[in-house]
C-alpha atoms as a PDB file:
ATOM      1  CA  MET A   1     -10.953 -10.766  22.081  1.00  0.00           C
ATOM      2  CA  LEU A   2      -9.919  -7.403  23.520  1.00  0.00           C
ATOM      3  CA  TRP A   3      -6.459  -6.188  24.236  1.00  0.00           C
ATOM      4  CA  GLU A   4      -7.107  -6.209  27.931  1.00  0.00           C
ATOM      5  CA  GLN A   5      -8.312  -9.907  27.731  1.00  0.00           C
ATOM      6  CA  VAL A   6      -5.087 -10.767  25.661  1.00  0.00           C
ATOM      7  CA  ARG A   7      -2.842  -9.136  28.307  1.00  0.00           C
ATOM      8  CA  LYS A   8      -4.583 -11.019  30.973  1.00  0.00           C
ATOM      9  CA  ALA A   9      -4.485 -14.474  29.071  1.00  0.00           C
ATOM     10  CA  TYR A  10      -1.001 -13.992  28.115  1.00  0.00           C
ATOM     11  CA  PRO A  11       1.241 -12.184  30.521  1.00  0.00           C
ATOM     12  CA  ASP A  12       4.543 -11.052  29.828  1.00  0.00           C
ATOM     13  CA  LYS A  13       4.478 -12.580  26.233  1.00  0.00           C
ATOM     14  CA  TRP A  14       5.112 -11.556  22.878  1.00  0.00           C
ATOM     15  CA  VAL A  15       1.842 -12.226  21.002  1.00  0.00           C
ATOM     16  CA  VAL A  16       1.280 -12.169  17.053  1.00  0.00           C
ATOM     17  CA  ILE A  17      -2.231 -11.041  16.694  1.00  0.00           C
ATOM     18  CA  GLU A  18      -4.683 -10.734  13.611  1.00  0.00           C
ATOM     19  CA  ALA A  19      -7.227  -7.722  13.993  1.00  0.00           C
ATOM     20  CA  ILE A  20     -10.717  -9.151  13.237  1.00  0.00           C
ATOM     21  CA  GLU A  21     -12.444  -5.870  13.417  1.00  0.00           C
ATOM     22  CA  ALA A  22     -10.496  -2.702  12.967  1.00  0.00           C
ATOM     23  CA  HIS A  23     -11.053   1.031  12.125  1.00  0.00           C
ATOM     24  CA  SER A  24      -8.838   4.169  11.325  1.00  0.00           C
ATOM     25  CA  GLU A  25      -9.331   7.318  13.592  1.00  0.00           C
ATOM     26  CA  SER A  26      -7.016  10.366  13.691  1.00  0.00           C
ATOM     27  CA  ASN A  27      -3.946   8.443  11.891  1.00  0.00           C
ATOM     28  CA  TYR A  28      -4.228   5.710  14.264  1.00  0.00           C
ATOM     29  CA  ARG A  29      -5.489   1.987  13.630  1.00  0.00           C
ATOM     30  CA  ILE A  30      -8.060   1.204  16.284  1.00  0.00           C
ATOM     31  CA  VAL A  31      -8.388  -2.729  16.726  1.00  0.00           C
ATOM     32  CA  ASP A  32     -11.762  -3.463  18.239  1.00  0.00           C
ATOM     33  CA  GLU A  33     -11.670  -7.432  18.021  1.00  0.00           C
ATOM     34  CA  ILE A  34      -8.224  -9.510  18.132  1.00  0.00           C
ATOM     35  CA  ALA A  35      -7.275 -13.133  17.401  1.00  0.00           C
ATOM     36  CA  VAL A  36      -4.328 -14.364  18.794  1.00  0.00           C
ATOM     37  CA  ILE A  37      -2.482 -16.383  16.420  1.00  0.00           C
ATOM     38  CA  ASP A  38       0.546 -17.408  18.777  1.00  0.00           C
ATOM     39  CA  SER A  39       2.660 -16.401  21.810  1.00  0.00           C
ATOM     40  CA  PHE A  40       6.317 -16.092  22.329  1.00  0.00           C
ATOM     41  CA  ASP A  41       8.745 -15.430  25.036  1.00  0.00           C
ATOM     42  CA  ASP A  42      11.152 -14.258  22.471  1.00  0.00           C
ATOM     43  CA  SER A  43      10.639 -11.263  20.357  1.00  0.00           C
ATOM     44  CA  MET A  44      12.816 -12.315  17.545  1.00  0.00           C
ATOM     45  CA  GLU A  45      10.567 -15.543  17.348  1.00  0.00           C
ATOM     46  CA  ALA A  46       7.522 -13.577  17.238  1.00  0.00           C
ATOM     47  CA  PHE A  47       8.841 -11.324  14.570  1.00  0.00           C
ATOM     48  CA  ARG A  48       9.688 -14.388  12.397  1.00  0.00           C
ATOM     49  CA  ARG A  49       6.095 -15.811  12.896  1.00  0.00           C
ATOM     50  CA  HIS A  50       4.662 -12.499  11.868  1.00  0.00           C
ATOM     51  CA  HIS A  51       6.742 -12.224   8.670  1.00  0.00           C
ATOM     52  CA  GLU A  52       6.165 -15.869   8.035  1.00  0.00           C
ATOM     53  CA  LEU A  53       2.250 -15.415   7.971  1.00  0.00           C
ATOM     54  CA  HIS A  54       2.530 -11.929   6.440  1.00  0.00           C
ATOM     55  CA  LYS A  55       4.273 -13.623   3.344  1.00  0.00           C
ATOM     56  CA  GLN A  56       1.635 -16.355   3.204  1.00  0.00           C
ATOM     57  CA  LYS A  57      -1.342 -14.075   3.061  1.00  0.00           C
ATOM     58  CA  PRO A  58      -0.186 -10.285   2.904  1.00  0.00           C
ATOM     59  CA  ASN A  59      -3.752  -9.013   2.943  1.00  0.00           C
ATOM     60  CA  ARG A  60      -4.254 -10.092   6.724  1.00  0.00           C
ATOM     61  CA  GLU A  61      -4.042  -7.439   9.232  1.00  0.00           C
ATOM     62  CA  LEU A  62      -1.269  -8.934  11.357  1.00  0.00           C
ATOM     63  CA  TYR A  63       0.765  -7.172  14.385  1.00  0.00           C
ATOM     64  CA  PHE A  64       3.030  -8.506  16.820  1.00  0.00           C
ATOM     65  CA  PHE A  65       3.078  -6.877  20.439  1.00  0.00           C
ATOM     66  CA  HIS A  66       4.327  -7.341  24.163  1.00  0.00           C
ATOM     67  CA  THR A  67       1.633  -7.767  26.403  1.00  0.00           C
ATOM     68  CA  SER A  68       3.332  -5.388  28.844  1.00  0.00           C
ATOM     69  CA  ARG A  69       2.030  -2.386  26.801  1.00  0.00           C
ATOM     70  CA  GLU A  70      -0.866  -1.007  28.171  1.00  0.00           C
ATOM     71  CA  ASN A  71      -2.544   0.085  24.824  1.00  0.00           C
ATOM     72  CA  LEU A  72      -2.118  -0.586  21.126  1.00  0.00           C
ATOM     73  CA  ASP A  73      -0.808   2.417  19.587  1.00  0.00           C
ATOM     74  CA  ILE A  74      -0.771   1.603  16.021  1.00  0.00           C
ATOM     75  CA  ARG A  75       0.028   4.702  14.011  1.00  0.00           C
ATOM     76  CA  GLU A  76      -1.210   4.306  10.214  1.00  0.00           C
ATOM     77  CA  LYS A  77       1.692   4.738   7.588  1.00  0.00           C
ATOM     78  CA  LYS A  78       0.634   6.656   4.268  1.00  0.00           C
ATOM     79  CA  TRP A  79       2.326   4.960   1.572  1.00  0.00           C
ATOM     80  CA  THR A  80       3.297   7.083  -1.525  1.00  0.00           C
ATOM     81  CA  GLY A  81       5.124   5.997  -4.654  1.00  0.00           C
ATOM     82  CA  LEU A  82       4.980   3.084  -6.711  1.00  0.00           C
ATOM     83  CA  ARG A  83       3.983  -0.616  -5.902  1.00  0.00           C
ATOM     84  CA  LYS A  84       4.778  -3.793  -7.431  1.00  0.00           C
ATOM     85  CA  ILE A  85       1.911  -4.928  -9.714  1.00  0.00           C
END
């Protein structure tokens, strides 16, 4: 799905989504194809679901957004320092 399709299918909802196809461009993550995992009325429920899924499989590219947003402005963060091995 595209973000416009998600917005029409889930109006005024919080959605947990997975980026199926995405690329980086000018420090932003551009999501080309989306799979909706779940939808909620409450932001905290969406956050909890996102957190739960991320703990299970941290390599999945998961996000949660409200469908009132016209665009997905996902700024990439540059990680510096040490990571747990």
